[in-house]
């Protein structure tokens, strides 16, 4: 699936790559925060020891930076996108729409949703762009 990036997102991806040595696959510009989709296996390098690398990126870009790690399957990706919530299971429905039904521990439901729904909205956007998932529903 081809993702079209804005010029602003491309600039942030380039700067992130320069600062971390990791080339993100995607960047969402959401007001005061940036969400980067990091290739699978490169999350530790993007974060850096004790979070120093990502902190340097935040200071340099003047925005909050959040990272999501890519995965091999849509189910694994949805679980990754909702991290740090404890996801027990993801079931993908292939009826008329592709919907990911996510079983989340009750205590982590708020984490999965996020303040004003930001976390789940970000997960929905990235899952649609990269795995053609139409919706994510918590169960």
C-alpha atoms as a PDB file:
ATOM      1  CA  UNK A   1       0.000   0.000   0.000  1.00  0.00           C
ATOM      2  CA  UNK A   2       1.424   3.360  -1.037  1.00  0.00           C
ATOM      3  CA  UNK A   3       1.446   6.137   1.570  1.00  0.00           C
ATOM      4  CA  UNK A   4       1.469   9.744   0.428  1.00  0.00           C
ATOM      5  CA  UNK A   5       3.371  12.084   2.706  1.00  0.00           C
ATOM      6  CA  UNK A   6       3.064  15.822   2.987  1.00  0.00           C
ATOM      7  CA  UNK A   7       6.168  17.939   2.446  1.00  0.00           C
ATOM      8  CA  UNK A   8       6.161  18.728   6.171  1.00  0.00           C
ATOM      9  CA  UNK A   9       6.094  15.004   7.077  1.00  0.00           C
ATOM     10  CA  UNK A  10       8.954  14.328   4.635  1.00  0.00           C
ATOM     11  CA  UNK A  11      11.039  17.056   6.270  1.00  0.00           C
ATOM     12  CA  UNK A  12      10.419  15.561   9.722  1.00  0.00           C
ATOM     13  CA  UNK A  13      11.326  12.075   8.464  1.00  0.00           C
ATOM     14  CA  UNK A  14      14.580  13.407   7.004  1.00  0.00           C
ATOM     15  CA  UNK A  15      15.488  15.206  10.210  1.00  0.00           C
ATOM     16  CA  UNK A  16      14.591  12.160  12.329  1.00  0.00           C
ATOM     17  CA  UNK A  17      16.858  10.029  10.116  1.00  0.00           C
ATOM     18  CA  UNK A  18      19.729  12.522  10.485  1.00  0.00           C
ATOM     19  CA  UNK A  19      19.401  12.592  14.271  1.00  0.00           C
ATOM     20  CA  UNK A  20      18.862   8.873  14.924  1.00  0.00           C
ATOM     21  CA  UNK A  21      20.172   6.911  11.949  1.00  0.00           C
ATOM     22  CA  UNK A  22      16.726   5.302  11.622  1.00  0.00           C
ATOM     23  CA  UNK A  23      14.560   6.060   8.572  1.00  0.00           C
ATOM     24  CA  UNK A  24      10.868   6.054   9.529  1.00  0.00           C
ATOM     25  CA  UNK A  25       8.328   4.577   7.123  1.00  0.00           C
ATOM     26  CA  UNK A  26       5.728   7.218   7.957  1.00  0.00           C
ATOM     27  CA  UNK A  27       5.176  10.378   9.965  1.00  0.00           C
ATOM     28  CA  UNK A  28       1.903  11.771  11.278  1.00  0.00           C
ATOM     29  CA  UNK A  29       1.929  15.463  12.127  1.00  0.00           C
ATOM     30  CA  UNK A  30      -0.733  15.876  14.806  1.00  0.00           C
ATOM     31  CA  UNK A  31      -0.695  19.361  16.269  1.00  0.00           C
ATOM     32  CA  UNK A  32       1.988  19.475  18.950  1.00  0.00           C
ATOM     33  CA  UNK A  33       3.139  15.883  18.422  1.00  0.00           C
ATOM     34  CA  UNK A  34       4.810  13.804  15.748  1.00  0.00           C
ATOM     35  CA  UNK A  35       4.233  10.077  15.386  1.00  0.00           C
ATOM     36  CA  UNK A  36       6.911   8.163  13.514  1.00  0.00           C
ATOM     37  CA  UNK A  37       6.461   4.627  12.186  1.00  0.00           C
ATOM     38  CA  UNK A  38       9.794   2.920  12.823  1.00  0.00           C
ATOM     39  CA  UNK A  39      10.826  -0.202  10.866  1.00  0.00           C
ATOM     40  CA  UNK A  40      10.545  -3.482  12.793  1.00  0.00           C
ATOM     41  CA  UNK A  41      13.648  -4.189  14.841  1.00  0.00           C
ATOM     42  CA  UNK A  42      14.876  -0.578  14.913  1.00  0.00           C
ATOM     43  CA  UNK A  43      12.895   0.733  17.882  1.00  0.00           C
ATOM     44  CA  UNK A  44      15.773   0.446  20.381  1.00  0.00           C
ATOM     45  CA  UNK A  45      18.069   2.435  18.110  1.00  0.00           C
ATOM     46  CA  UNK A  46      15.397   5.105  17.592  1.00  0.00           C
ATOM     47  CA  UNK A  47      14.780   5.468  21.332  1.00  0.00           C
ATOM     48  CA  UNK A  48      18.421   5.321  22.384  1.00  0.00           C
ATOM     49  CA  UNK A  49      19.864   4.432  25.758  1.00  0.00           C
ATOM     50  CA  UNK A  50      17.510   5.644  28.510  1.00  0.00           C
ATOM     51  CA  UNK A  51      15.497   7.505  25.836  1.00  0.00           C
ATOM     52  CA  UNK A  52      18.294   9.969  25.104  1.00  0.00           C
ATOM     53  CA  UNK A  53      17.985   9.786  21.316  1.00  0.00           C
ATOM     54  CA  UNK A  54      14.266  10.439  21.195  1.00  0.00           C
ATOM     55  CA  UNK A  55      14.655  13.235  23.757  1.00  0.00           C
ATOM     56  CA  UNK A  56      17.263  14.885  21.519  1.00  0.00           C
ATOM     57  CA  UNK A  57      14.838  14.614  18.577  1.00  0.00           C
ATOM     58  CA  UNK A  58      12.077  16.226  20.650  1.00  0.00           C
ATOM     59  CA  UNK A  59      14.375  19.084  21.652  1.00  0.00           C
ATOM     60  CA  UNK A  60      15.576  19.601  18.079  1.00  0.00           C
ATOM     61  CA  UNK A  61      12.086  19.493  16.522  1.00  0.00           C
ATOM     62  CA  UNK A  62      10.306  21.307  19.359  1.00  0.00           C
ATOM     63  CA  UNK A  63       7.489  18.747  19.499  1.00  0.00           C
ATOM     64  CA  UNK A  64       6.512  15.654  21.419  1.00  0.00           C
ATOM     65  CA  UNK A  65       7.662  12.563  19.533  1.00  0.00           C
ATOM     66  CA  UNK A  66       5.944   9.194  19.732  1.00  0.00           C
ATOM     67  CA  UNK A  67       7.163   6.039  18.052  1.00  0.00           C
ATOM     68  CA  UNK A  68       5.247   3.049  16.696  1.00  0.00           C
ATOM     69  CA  UNK A  69       7.096  -0.074  15.577  1.00  0.00           C
ATOM     70  CA  UNK A  70       6.058  -1.711  12.310  1.00  0.00           C
ATOM     71  CA  UNK A  71       5.194  -5.420  12.198  1.00  0.00           C
ATOM     72  CA  UNK A  72       4.802  -8.266   9.714  1.00  0.00           C
ATOM     73  CA  UNK A  73       1.025  -8.684  10.089  1.00  0.00           C
ATOM     74  CA  UNK A  74      -1.932  -6.372  10.575  1.00  0.00           C
ATOM     75  CA  UNK A  75      -2.734  -8.018  13.912  1.00  0.00           C
ATOM     76  CA  UNK A  76       0.794  -7.544  15.257  1.00  0.00           C
ATOM     77  CA  UNK A  77       0.837  -3.986  13.956  1.00  0.00           C
ATOM     78  CA  UNK A  78      -2.394  -3.055  15.750  1.00  0.00           C
ATOM     79  CA  UNK A  79      -0.997  -4.463  19.010  1.00  0.00           C
ATOM     80  CA  UNK A  80       2.206  -2.470  18.484  1.00  0.00           C
ATOM     81  CA  UNK A  81       0.305   0.727  17.671  1.00  0.00           C
ATOM     82  CA  UNK A  82      -1.661   0.501  20.925  1.00  0.00           C
ATOM     83  CA  UNK A  83       1.463  -0.011  23.032  1.00  0.00           C
ATOM     84  CA  UNK A  84       2.083   0.399  25.964  1.00  0.00           C
ATOM     85  CA  UNK A  85      -1.427  -0.986  26.579  1.00  0.00           C
ATOM     86  CA  UNK A  86      -1.410  -4.716  27.336  1.00  0.00           C
ATOM     87  CA  UNK A  87      -3.080  -6.223  24.276  1.00  0.00           C
ATOM     88  CA  UNK A  88      -4.252  -9.800  24.898  1.00  0.00           C
ATOM     89  CA  UNK A  89      -5.456 -10.609  21.377  1.00  0.00           C
ATOM     90  CA  UNK A  90      -6.264  -9.025  18.024  1.00  0.00           C
ATOM     91  CA  UNK A  91      -8.826 -10.587  15.694  1.00  0.00           C
ATOM     92  CA  UNK A  92      -9.209  -9.258  12.180  1.00  0.00           C
ATOM     93  CA  UNK A  93     -12.697  -9.417  10.669  1.00  0.00           C
ATOM     94  CA  UNK A  94     -12.818  -9.597   6.882  1.00  0.00           C
ATOM     95  CA  UNK A  95     -16.558  -9.001   6.364  1.00  0.00           C
ATOM     96  CA  UNK A  96     -17.536  -5.889   4.371  1.00  0.00           C
ATOM     97  CA  UNK A  97     -14.947  -3.838   6.251  1.00  0.00           C
ATOM     98  CA  UNK A  98     -11.643  -4.935   7.746  1.00  0.00           C
ATOM     99  CA  UNK A  99     -12.069  -4.359  11.460  1.00  0.00           C
ATOM    100  CA  UNK A 100      -9.501  -5.226  14.114  1.00  0.00           C
ATOM    101  CA  UNK A 101     -11.159  -6.318  17.358  1.00  0.00           C
ATOM    102  CA  UNK A 102      -8.672  -5.820  20.166  1.00  0.00           C
ATOM    103  CA  UNK A 103      -8.893  -7.457  23.570  1.00  0.00           C
ATOM    104  CA  UNK A 104      -7.224  -5.151  26.075  1.00  0.00           C
ATOM    105  CA  UNK A 105      -6.815  -5.616  29.813  1.00  0.00           C
ATOM    106  CA  UNK A 106      -9.448  -3.511  31.593  1.00  0.00           C
ATOM    107  CA  UNK A 107      -6.777  -1.567  33.503  1.00  0.00           C
ATOM    108  CA  UNK A 108      -5.115  -0.614  30.189  1.00  0.00           C
ATOM    109  CA  UNK A 109      -8.266   0.451  28.360  1.00  0.00           C
ATOM    110  CA  UNK A 110      -7.603   4.128  29.096  1.00  0.00           C
ATOM    111  CA  UNK A 111      -4.006   3.795  27.877  1.00  0.00           C
ATOM    112  CA  UNK A 112      -5.190   2.240  24.602  1.00  0.00           C
ATOM    113  CA  UNK A 113      -7.708   5.032  24.061  1.00  0.00           C
ATOM    114  CA  UNK A 114      -5.458   7.873  25.235  1.00  0.00           C
ATOM    115  CA  UNK A 115      -6.331  11.423  26.161  1.00  0.00           C
ATOM    116  CA  UNK A 116      -9.262  12.574  24.034  1.00  0.00           C
ATOM    117  CA  UNK A 117      -8.923   9.346  22.001  1.00  0.00           C
ATOM    118  CA  UNK A 118      -5.549  10.305  20.535  1.00  0.00           C
ATOM    119  CA  UNK A 119      -3.877   6.901  20.897  1.00  0.00           C
ATOM    120  CA  UNK A 120      -6.618   4.855  19.279  1.00  0.00           C
ATOM    121  CA  UNK A 121      -7.126   7.484  16.564  1.00  0.00           C
ATOM    122  CA  UNK A 122      -3.408   7.340  15.735  1.00  0.00           C
ATOM    123  CA  UNK A 123      -3.534   3.525  15.654  1.00  0.00           C
ATOM    124  CA  UNK A 124      -6.568   3.666  13.337  1.00  0.00           C
ATOM    125  CA  UNK A 125      -4.868   6.110  10.981  1.00  0.00           C
ATOM    126  CA  UNK A 126      -1.646   4.104  10.741  1.00  0.00           C
ATOM    127  CA  UNK A 127      -3.460   0.755  10.424  1.00  0.00           C
ATOM    128  CA  UNK A 128      -5.566   2.158   7.568  1.00  0.00           C
ATOM    129  CA  UNK A 129      -2.546   3.631   5.785  1.00  0.00           C
ATOM    130  CA  UNK A 130      -0.317   0.568   6.049  1.00  0.00           C
ATOM    131  CA  UNK A 131      -2.573  -2.488   6.450  1.00  0.00           C
ATOM    132  CA  UNK A 132      -5.911  -1.378   4.978  1.00  0.00           C
ATOM    133  CA  UNK A 133      -7.679  -1.845   8.333  1.00  0.00           C
ATOM    134  CA  UNK A 134     -10.879   0.214   8.312  1.00  0.00           C
ATOM    135  CA  UNK A 135     -11.410   0.396  12.073  1.00  0.00           C
ATOM    136  CA  UNK A 136     -10.093  -0.712  15.445  1.00  0.00           C
ATOM    137  CA  UNK A 137     -12.565  -1.662  18.177  1.00  0.00           C
ATOM    138  CA  UNK A 138     -11.665  -2.443  21.778  1.00  0.00           C
ATOM    139  CA  UNK A 139     -13.430  -5.441  23.318  1.00  0.00           C
END
